[in-house]
Amino acid sequence: MAKETGRKLIAQNKKARHDYHIIDTYECGLVLTGTEVKSLRQGRASLVDGFVQIDNNEAWLHNVHVPEYTQGTWTNHSARRKRKLLMHRAEIDKLASKTQETGHTIVPLALYFKDGRAKVEIALAKGKKEYDKRQTLREKQDRRETDRVISAAKRRQRA
């Protein structure tokens, strides 16, 4: 069997980028059972309510939904169990100290396979206020509008 290379995206948390200011990102490995890996290979997972908590100098991923494997037997996993993250001690200590500050949290951004291994991209984030969210949407709309105007001008130039 050929060795898998590259990055294959499984799930993405787009809402996190809308609700939080992303300060720093980290790539972590995951401790998974066999049926979880098979379910992820089918491309089924949800990061929407997920968060990371640090207990006893270990990072744990909570509330990430990996549905049960359809061909699984009694060995199937529970869908929303907490999963251990594989990180360096220095990274865990840094995240633990940063999350003690008010308003900081750790959220998962993406779940993917990299060279055949399941990885999760997590981010140290600070919650946005309602007016920050409106400002972000306004900037996004302005950027779209300017792109439309530029592309229309280029089209007119070519014609």
N, C-alpha and C. Protein backbone atom coordinates (compact mmCIF):
# COMPACT_ATOMS: atom_id res chain seq x y z
N MET A 1 0.84 -1.18 0.00
CA MET A 1 0.00 0.00 0.00
C MET A 1 0.89 1.25 0.00
N ALA A 2 0.56 2.23 -0.83
CA ALA A 2 1.37 3.45 -0.95
C ALA A 2 1.21 4.32 0.29
N LYS A 3 2.28 4.97 0.68
CA LYS A 3 2.25 5.85 1.85
C LYS A 3 1.52 7.15 1.47
N GLU A 4 0.63 7.57 2.34
CA GLU A 4 -0.16 8.77 2.11
C GLU A 4 0.68 10.02 2.37
N THR A 5 0.62 11.00 1.47
CA THR A 5 1.37 12.24 1.67
C THR A 5 0.43 13.43 1.48
N GLY A 6 0.87 14.58 1.97
CA GLY A 6 0.07 15.80 1.81
C GLY A 6 -0.91 16.00 2.95
N ARG A 7 -1.79 16.98 2.76
CA ARG A 7 -2.76 17.36 3.79
C ARG A 7 -4.17 17.17 3.25
N LYS A 8 -4.99 16.37 3.95
CA LYS A 8 -6.38 16.14 3.55
C LYS A 8 -7.29 16.67 4.65
N LEU A 9 -8.00 17.76 4.36
CA LEU A 9 -8.86 18.41 5.33
C LEU A 9 -10.10 17.56 5.62
N ILE A 10 -10.41 17.41 6.91
CA ILE A 10 -11.60 16.65 7.32
C ILE A 10 -12.70 17.60 7.74
N ALA A 11 -12.37 18.52 8.66
CA ALA A 11 -13.36 19.47 9.16
C ALA A 11 -12.68 20.79 9.47
N GLN A 12 -13.46 21.87 9.38
CA GLN A 12 -12.94 23.21 9.62
C GLN A 12 -13.94 23.97 10.48
N ASN A 13 -13.44 24.80 11.38
CA ASN A 13 -14.30 25.60 12.24
C ASN A 13 -14.25 27.05 11.79
N LYS A 14 -15.09 27.40 10.81
CA LYS A 14 -15.11 28.76 10.27
C LYS A 14 -15.68 29.76 11.27
N LYS A 15 -16.59 29.29 12.11
CA LYS A 15 -17.21 30.17 13.10
C LYS A 15 -16.19 30.69 14.12
N ALA A 16 -15.15 29.91 14.39
CA ALA A 16 -14.13 30.33 15.36
C ALA A 16 -13.43 31.60 14.90
N ARG A 17 -13.13 31.70 13.62
CA ARG A 17 -12.46 32.89 13.10
C ARG A 17 -13.38 34.11 13.15
N HIS A 18 -14.68 33.88 13.14
CA HIS A 18 -15.65 34.97 13.23
C HIS A 18 -15.83 35.42 14.69
N ASP A 19 -15.83 34.47 15.61
CA ASP A 19 -16.12 34.78 17.01
C ASP A 19 -14.90 35.16 17.85
N TYR A 20 -13.70 34.88 17.36
CA TYR A 20 -12.50 35.11 18.15
C TYR A 20 -11.42 35.84 17.36
N HIS A 21 -10.57 36.58 18.08
CA HIS A 21 -9.33 37.11 17.53
C HIS A 21 -8.31 35.99 17.71
N ILE A 22 -7.74 35.48 16.62
CA ILE A 22 -6.75 34.40 16.70
C ILE A 22 -5.40 35.02 17.05
N ILE A 23 -4.82 34.59 18.16
CA ILE A 23 -3.54 35.13 18.61
C ILE A 23 -2.39 34.26 18.12
N ASP A 24 -2.49 32.94 18.32
CA ASP A 24 -1.41 32.03 17.97
C ASP A 24 -2.01 30.68 17.60
N THR A 25 -1.40 29.97 16.65
CA THR A 25 -1.90 28.65 16.26
C THR A 25 -0.85 27.57 16.51
N TYR A 26 -1.33 26.36 16.76
CA TYR A 26 -0.47 25.21 17.02
C TYR A 26 -1.02 24.00 16.27
N GLU A 27 -0.12 23.12 15.84
CA GLU A 27 -0.51 21.86 15.22
C GLU A 27 -0.25 20.74 16.23
N CYS A 28 -1.26 19.92 16.49
CA CYS A 28 -1.14 18.87 17.50
C CYS A 28 -1.57 17.53 16.91
N GLY A 29 -1.00 16.48 17.45
CA GLY A 29 -1.46 15.14 17.14
C GLY A 29 -2.62 14.79 18.04
N LEU A 30 -3.33 13.72 17.70
CA LEU A 30 -4.49 13.28 18.47
C LEU A 30 -4.32 11.82 18.86
N VAL A 31 -4.76 11.46 20.07
CA VAL A 31 -4.80 10.06 20.47
C VAL A 31 -6.20 9.56 20.12
N LEU A 32 -6.29 8.64 19.14
CA LEU A 32 -7.58 8.15 18.65
C LEU A 32 -7.65 6.64 18.71
N THR A 33 -8.88 6.11 18.72
CA THR A 33 -9.08 4.67 18.60
C THR A 33 -9.23 4.32 17.13
N GLY A 34 -9.21 3.05 16.81
CA GLY A 34 -9.28 2.61 15.41
C GLY A 34 -10.55 3.03 14.70
N THR A 35 -11.71 2.92 15.39
CA THR A 35 -12.97 3.29 14.73
C THR A 35 -13.06 4.79 14.52
N GLU A 36 -12.42 5.58 15.38
CA GLU A 36 -12.41 7.03 15.18
C GLU A 36 -11.63 7.40 13.92
N VAL A 37 -10.50 6.73 13.71
CA VAL A 37 -9.69 7.00 12.53
C VAL A 37 -10.48 6.63 11.27
N LYS A 38 -11.16 5.48 11.29
CA LYS A 38 -11.94 5.06 10.12
C LYS A 38 -13.08 6.04 9.84
N SER A 39 -13.72 6.53 10.89
CA SER A 39 -14.79 7.50 10.73
C SER A 39 -14.25 8.82 10.16
N LEU A 40 -13.07 9.24 10.63
CA LEU A 40 -12.45 10.47 10.11
C LEU A 40 -12.04 10.30 8.65
N ARG A 41 -11.57 9.12 8.29
CA ARG A 41 -11.18 8.88 6.89
C ARG A 41 -12.38 9.00 5.95
N GLN A 42 -13.58 8.77 6.47
CA GLN A 42 -14.80 8.97 5.67
C GLN A 42 -15.16 10.45 5.58
N GLY A 43 -14.40 11.30 6.29
CA GLY A 43 -14.60 12.75 6.20
C GLY A 43 -15.74 13.26 7.04
N ARG A 44 -16.01 12.58 8.16
CA ARG A 44 -17.15 12.97 8.99
C ARG A 44 -16.67 13.42 10.36
N ALA A 45 -16.81 14.71 10.66
CA ALA A 45 -16.49 15.26 11.98
C ALA A 45 -17.04 16.69 12.06
N SER A 46 -17.19 17.18 13.29
CA SER A 46 -17.67 18.54 13.50
C SER A 46 -16.91 19.17 14.65
N LEU A 47 -16.36 20.36 14.42
CA LEU A 47 -15.58 21.08 15.42
C LEU A 47 -16.35 22.23 16.06
N VAL A 48 -17.63 22.37 15.74
CA VAL A 48 -18.38 23.57 16.09
C VAL A 48 -18.34 23.91 17.58
N ASP A 49 -18.62 22.97 18.47
CA ASP A 49 -18.66 23.28 19.91
C ASP A 49 -17.36 22.93 20.61
N GLY A 50 -16.31 22.62 19.86
CA GLY A 50 -15.07 22.12 20.45
C GLY A 50 -14.28 23.18 21.20
N PHE A 51 -13.55 22.72 22.20
CA PHE A 51 -12.62 23.57 22.94
C PHE A 51 -11.54 22.69 23.55
N VAL A 52 -10.44 23.32 23.95
CA VAL A 52 -9.31 22.60 24.55
C VAL A 52 -9.20 23.02 26.01
N GLN A 53 -8.98 22.03 26.87
CA GLN A 53 -8.81 22.29 28.29
C GLN A 53 -7.52 21.64 28.75
N ILE A 54 -6.80 22.28 29.64
CA ILE A 54 -5.54 21.73 30.13
C ILE A 54 -5.74 21.25 31.57
N ASP A 55 -5.57 19.91 31.77
CA ASP A 55 -5.71 19.28 33.07
C ASP A 55 -4.43 18.51 33.38
N ASN A 56 -3.85 18.74 34.55
CA ASN A 56 -2.65 18.01 34.99
C ASN A 56 -1.54 18.02 33.94
N ASN A 57 -1.27 19.19 33.37
CA ASN A 57 -0.23 19.35 32.36
C ASN A 57 -0.46 18.50 31.11
N GLU A 58 -1.70 18.20 30.80
CA GLU A 58 -2.07 17.50 29.57
C GLU A 58 -3.17 18.29 28.88
N ALA A 59 -3.13 18.36 27.57
CA ALA A 59 -4.14 19.09 26.79
C ALA A 59 -5.20 18.09 26.31
N TRP A 60 -6.46 18.43 26.52
CA TRP A 60 -7.59 17.57 26.14
C TRP A 60 -8.54 18.34 25.23
N LEU A 61 -8.98 17.68 24.17
CA LEU A 61 -9.94 18.24 23.22
C LEU A 61 -11.33 17.77 23.60
N HIS A 62 -12.22 18.70 23.91
CA HIS A 62 -13.58 18.38 24.35
C HIS A 62 -14.60 18.76 23.28
N ASN A 63 -15.74 18.07 23.29
CA ASN A 63 -16.93 18.39 22.49
C ASN A 63 -16.73 18.34 20.98
N VAL A 64 -15.72 17.68 20.48
CA VAL A 64 -15.58 17.50 19.04
C VAL A 64 -16.35 16.25 18.66
N HIS A 65 -17.25 16.38 17.70
CA HIS A 65 -18.13 15.27 17.34
C HIS A 65 -17.52 14.45 16.20
N VAL A 66 -17.13 13.22 16.51
CA VAL A 66 -16.67 12.25 15.51
C VAL A 66 -17.70 11.14 15.54
N PRO A 67 -18.60 11.05 14.53
CA PRO A 67 -19.68 10.07 14.59
C PRO A 67 -19.16 8.63 14.62
N GLU A 68 -19.99 7.75 15.16
CA GLU A 68 -19.60 6.35 15.24
C GLU A 68 -19.38 5.78 13.85
N TYR A 69 -18.44 4.85 13.75
CA TYR A 69 -18.13 4.19 12.48
C TYR A 69 -19.26 3.24 12.16
N THR A 70 -19.81 3.32 10.94
CA THR A 70 -21.00 2.53 10.59
C THR A 70 -20.75 1.02 10.60
N GLN A 71 -19.56 0.58 10.20
CA GLN A 71 -19.27 -0.85 10.21
C GLN A 71 -18.67 -1.31 11.54
N GLY A 72 -18.62 -0.41 12.53
CA GLY A 72 -18.03 -0.74 13.82
C GLY A 72 -18.91 -1.70 14.61
N THR A 73 -18.29 -2.45 15.52
CA THR A 73 -19.04 -3.40 16.36
C THR A 73 -19.10 -2.83 17.78
N TRP A 74 -19.07 -3.67 18.76
CA TRP A 74 -19.11 -3.23 20.16
C TRP A 74 -17.88 -2.41 20.53
N THR A 75 -16.84 -2.43 19.69
CA THR A 75 -15.63 -1.66 19.97
C THR A 75 -15.75 -0.20 19.54
N ASN A 76 -16.91 0.20 19.04
CA ASN A 76 -17.10 1.57 18.56
C ASN A 76 -16.88 2.58 19.70
N HIS A 77 -16.44 3.78 19.32
CA HIS A 77 -16.17 4.85 20.27
C HIS A 77 -17.42 5.67 20.56
N SER A 78 -17.41 6.44 21.63
CA SER A 78 -18.51 7.37 21.87
C SER A 78 -18.23 8.64 21.07
N ALA A 79 -19.25 9.27 20.54
CA ALA A 79 -19.10 10.34 19.56
C ALA A 79 -18.44 11.61 20.12
N ARG A 80 -18.74 11.98 21.36
CA ARG A 80 -18.24 13.25 21.90
C ARG A 80 -17.27 13.06 23.06
N ARG A 81 -16.52 11.99 23.08
CA ARG A 81 -15.58 11.75 24.19
C ARG A 81 -14.43 12.76 24.13
N LYS A 82 -13.76 12.96 25.27
CA LYS A 82 -12.61 13.87 25.26
C LYS A 82 -11.40 13.11 24.72
N ARG A 83 -10.58 13.82 23.93
CA ARG A 83 -9.42 13.20 23.26
C ARG A 83 -8.16 13.93 23.66
N LYS A 84 -7.12 13.16 23.93
CA LYS A 84 -5.85 13.74 24.36
C LYS A 84 -5.11 14.33 23.16
N LEU A 85 -4.51 15.51 23.36
CA LEU A 85 -3.71 16.15 22.32
C LEU A 85 -2.24 15.88 22.60
N LEU A 86 -1.48 15.65 21.54
CA LEU A 86 -0.05 15.40 21.65
C LEU A 86 0.70 16.69 21.34
N MET A 87 1.27 17.27 22.40
CA MET A 87 1.99 18.55 22.27
C MET A 87 3.25 18.49 23.13
N HIS A 88 4.19 19.39 22.83
CA HIS A 88 5.39 19.50 23.65
C HIS A 88 5.03 20.17 24.98
N ARG A 89 5.76 19.81 26.03
CA ARG A 89 5.51 20.34 27.37
C ARG A 89 5.58 21.86 27.38
N ALA A 90 6.55 22.44 26.68
CA ALA A 90 6.71 23.90 26.68
C ALA A 90 5.47 24.57 26.07
N GLU A 91 4.92 23.98 25.00
CA GLU A 91 3.72 24.53 24.37
C GLU A 91 2.53 24.47 25.33
N ILE A 92 2.38 23.33 26.02
CA ILE A 92 1.27 23.17 26.97
C ILE A 92 1.39 24.20 28.10
N ASP A 93 2.61 24.36 28.63
CA ASP A 93 2.82 25.33 29.72
C ASP A 93 2.51 26.75 29.26
N LYS A 94 2.92 27.09 28.05
CA LYS A 94 2.67 28.43 27.50
C LYS A 94 1.17 28.67 27.35
N LEU A 95 0.45 27.67 26.81
CA LEU A 95 -1.00 27.80 26.65
C LEU A 95 -1.70 27.89 28.00
N ALA A 96 -1.25 27.10 28.97
CA ALA A 96 -1.87 27.12 30.29
C ALA A 96 -1.74 28.50 30.94
N SER A 97 -0.56 29.11 30.82
CA SER A 97 -0.38 30.43 31.42
C SER A 97 -1.19 31.50 30.69
N LYS A 98 -1.29 31.39 29.36
CA LYS A 98 -2.06 32.38 28.58
C LYS A 98 -3.55 32.28 28.85
N THR A 99 -4.08 31.05 29.06
CA THR A 99 -5.52 30.90 29.28
C THR A 99 -5.95 31.39 30.65
N GLN A 100 -4.99 31.62 31.56
CA GLN A 100 -5.32 32.18 32.87
C GLN A 100 -5.74 33.64 32.74
N GLU A 101 -5.30 34.30 31.66
CA GLU A 101 -5.69 35.69 31.42
C GLU A 101 -7.17 35.73 31.03
N THR A 102 -7.85 36.77 31.43
CA THR A 102 -9.29 36.84 31.16
C THR A 102 -9.57 36.97 29.66
N GLY A 103 -10.58 36.27 29.22
CA GLY A 103 -11.01 36.35 27.83
C GLY A 103 -10.27 35.43 26.88
N HIS A 104 -9.22 34.75 27.31
CA HIS A 104 -8.47 33.86 26.43
C HIS A 104 -8.99 32.43 26.52
N THR A 105 -9.04 31.77 25.39
CA THR A 105 -9.47 30.38 25.33
C THR A 105 -8.69 29.67 24.22
N ILE A 106 -8.83 28.35 24.17
CA ILE A 106 -8.17 27.57 23.12
C ILE A 106 -9.27 26.87 22.32
N VAL A 107 -9.31 27.12 21.01
CA VAL A 107 -10.35 26.54 20.15
C VAL A 107 -9.71 25.76 19.00
N PRO A 108 -10.36 24.68 18.56
CA PRO A 108 -9.86 23.96 17.39
C PRO A 108 -10.28 24.69 16.11
N LEU A 109 -9.36 24.82 15.15
CA LEU A 109 -9.66 25.48 13.88
C LEU A 109 -9.88 24.48 12.75
N ALA A 110 -9.07 23.42 12.71
CA ALA A 110 -9.18 22.47 11.61
C ALA A 110 -8.75 21.09 12.08
N LEU A 111 -9.33 20.08 11.46
CA LEU A 111 -8.99 18.68 11.71
C LEU A 111 -8.62 18.10 10.35
N TYR A 112 -7.45 17.45 10.26
CA TYR A 112 -6.98 16.99 8.96
C TYR A 112 -6.00 15.83 9.12
N PHE A 113 -5.75 15.15 8.00
CA PHE A 113 -4.71 14.13 7.95
C PHE A 113 -3.49 14.75 7.28
N LYS A 114 -2.32 14.60 7.91
CA LYS A 114 -1.07 15.09 7.35
C LYS A 114 -0.12 13.91 7.29
N ASP A 115 0.25 13.51 6.07
CA ASP A 115 1.11 12.34 5.85
C ASP A 115 0.56 11.10 6.55
N GLY A 116 -0.75 10.93 6.52
CA GLY A 116 -1.39 9.74 7.07
C GLY A 116 -1.69 9.80 8.55
N ARG A 117 -1.35 10.88 9.23
CA ARG A 117 -1.60 10.99 10.67
C ARG A 117 -2.63 12.08 10.93
N ALA A 118 -3.55 11.79 11.88
CA ALA A 118 -4.58 12.76 12.22
C ALA A 118 -3.98 13.90 13.03
N LYS A 119 -4.25 15.12 12.60
CA LYS A 119 -3.75 16.32 13.28
C LYS A 119 -4.91 17.28 13.50
N VAL A 120 -4.77 18.13 14.51
CA VAL A 120 -5.74 19.18 14.75
C VAL A 120 -4.98 20.49 14.91
N GLU A 121 -5.49 21.54 14.26
CA GLU A 121 -4.90 22.86 14.41
C GLU A 121 -5.71 23.60 15.46
N ILE A 122 -5.04 23.98 16.56
CA ILE A 122 -5.73 24.70 17.62
C ILE A 122 -5.18 26.12 17.67
N ALA A 123 -5.97 27.01 18.29
CA ALA A 123 -5.56 28.41 18.35
C ALA A 123 -5.83 28.98 19.73
N LEU A 124 -4.87 29.76 20.19
CA LEU A 124 -5.09 30.58 21.37
C LEU A 124 -5.87 31.79 20.87
N ALA A 125 -7.03 32.04 21.48
CA ALA A 125 -7.92 33.07 20.94
C ALA A 125 -8.50 33.93 22.05
N LYS A 126 -8.91 35.12 21.68
CA LYS A 126 -9.57 36.04 22.61
C LYS A 126 -10.93 36.37 22.00
N GLY A 127 -11.98 36.27 22.80
CA GLY A 127 -13.34 36.50 22.31
C GLY A 127 -13.54 37.90 21.77
N LYS A 128 -14.27 38.00 20.67
CA LYS A 128 -14.59 39.30 20.09
C LYS A 128 -15.86 39.85 20.71
N LYS A 129 -15.93 41.14 20.78
CA LYS A 129 -17.16 41.82 21.18
C LYS A 129 -18.07 41.92 19.95
N GLU A 130 -19.33 42.23 20.18
CA GLU A 130 -20.30 42.30 19.09
C GLU A 130 -19.89 43.33 18.04
N TYR A 131 -19.37 44.48 18.48
CA TYR A 131 -18.98 45.51 17.52
C TYR A 131 -17.76 45.09 16.70
N ASP A 132 -16.88 44.24 17.28
CA ASP A 132 -15.74 43.72 16.52
C ASP A 132 -16.22 42.82 15.40
N LYS A 133 -17.24 42.01 15.68
CA LYS A 133 -17.78 41.10 14.66
C LYS A 133 -18.39 41.89 13.50
N ARG A 134 -19.12 42.97 13.85
CA ARG A 134 -19.71 43.81 12.80
C ARG A 134 -18.63 44.47 11.97
N GLN A 135 -17.57 44.93 12.63
CA GLN A 135 -16.45 45.57 11.92
C GLN A 135 -15.80 44.58 10.96
N THR A 136 -15.60 43.33 11.39
CA THR A 136 -15.00 42.30 10.54
C THR A 136 -15.87 42.04 9.32
N LEU A 137 -17.18 41.93 9.53
CA LEU A 137 -18.10 41.71 8.40
C LEU A 137 -18.05 42.88 7.43
N ARG A 138 -18.01 44.12 7.96
CA ARG A 138 -17.96 45.31 7.11
C ARG A 138 -16.69 45.31 6.26
N GLU A 139 -15.55 44.97 6.88
CA GLU A 139 -14.29 44.92 6.14
C GLU A 139 -14.34 43.86 5.04
N LYS A 140 -14.93 42.72 5.35
CA LYS A 140 -15.05 41.63 4.38
C LYS A 140 -15.91 42.07 3.19
N GLN A 141 -17.03 42.74 3.46
CA GLN A 141 -17.90 43.22 2.39
C GLN A 141 -17.20 44.29 1.55
N ASP A 142 -16.46 45.18 2.19
CA ASP A 142 -15.72 46.22 1.46
C ASP A 142 -14.68 45.60 0.55
N ARG A 143 -13.97 44.59 1.05
CA ARG A 143 -12.94 43.91 0.26
C ARG A 143 -13.58 43.24 -0.96
N ARG A 144 -14.73 42.58 -0.75
CA ARG A 144 -15.44 41.95 -1.88
C ARG A 144 -15.85 42.97 -2.92
N GLU A 145 -16.38 44.10 -2.45
CA GLU A 145 -16.85 45.14 -3.36
C GLU A 145 -15.71 45.70 -4.19
N THR A 146 -14.56 45.97 -3.58
CA THR A 146 -13.42 46.50 -4.33
C THR A 146 -12.90 45.46 -5.32
N ASP A 147 -12.90 44.19 -4.93
CA ASP A 147 -12.48 43.13 -5.87
C ASP A 147 -13.41 43.07 -7.08
N ARG A 148 -14.72 43.24 -6.84
CA ARG A 148 -15.69 43.23 -7.94
C ARG A 148 -15.44 44.40 -8.90
N VAL A 149 -15.22 45.57 -8.34
CA VAL A 149 -14.99 46.77 -9.16
C VAL A 149 -13.71 46.61 -9.98
N ILE A 150 -12.65 46.09 -9.36
CA ILE A 150 -11.37 45.91 -10.06
C ILE A 150 -11.51 44.89 -11.18
N SER A 151 -12.19 43.77 -10.90
CA SER A 151 -12.35 42.75 -11.94
C SER A 151 -13.24 43.24 -13.08
N ALA A 152 -14.26 44.05 -12.77
CA ALA A 152 -15.10 44.61 -13.82
C ALA A 152 -14.31 45.58 -14.69
N ALA A 153 -13.44 46.39 -14.07
CA ALA A 153 -12.62 47.33 -14.83
C ALA A 153 -11.64 46.58 -15.73
N LYS A 154 -11.09 45.49 -15.24
CA LYS A 154 -10.15 44.67 -16.06
C LYS A 154 -10.88 44.05 -17.24
N ARG A 155 -12.12 43.60 -16.99
CA ARG A 155 -12.92 43.00 -18.08
C ARG A 155 -13.21 44.04 -19.16
N ARG A 156 -13.55 45.26 -18.74
CA ARG A 156 -13.83 46.33 -19.69
C ARG A 156 -12.59 46.71 -20.47
N GLN A 157 -11.43 46.66 -19.82
CA GLN A 157 -10.18 46.98 -20.48
C GLN A 157 -9.85 45.97 -21.57
N ARG A 158 -10.11 44.69 -21.28
CA ARG A 158 -9.82 43.63 -22.27
C ARG A 158 -10.75 43.69 -23.46
N ALA A 159 -11.98 44.12 -23.24
CA ALA A 159 -12.98 44.11 -24.31
C ALA A 159 -12.80 45.24 -25.30
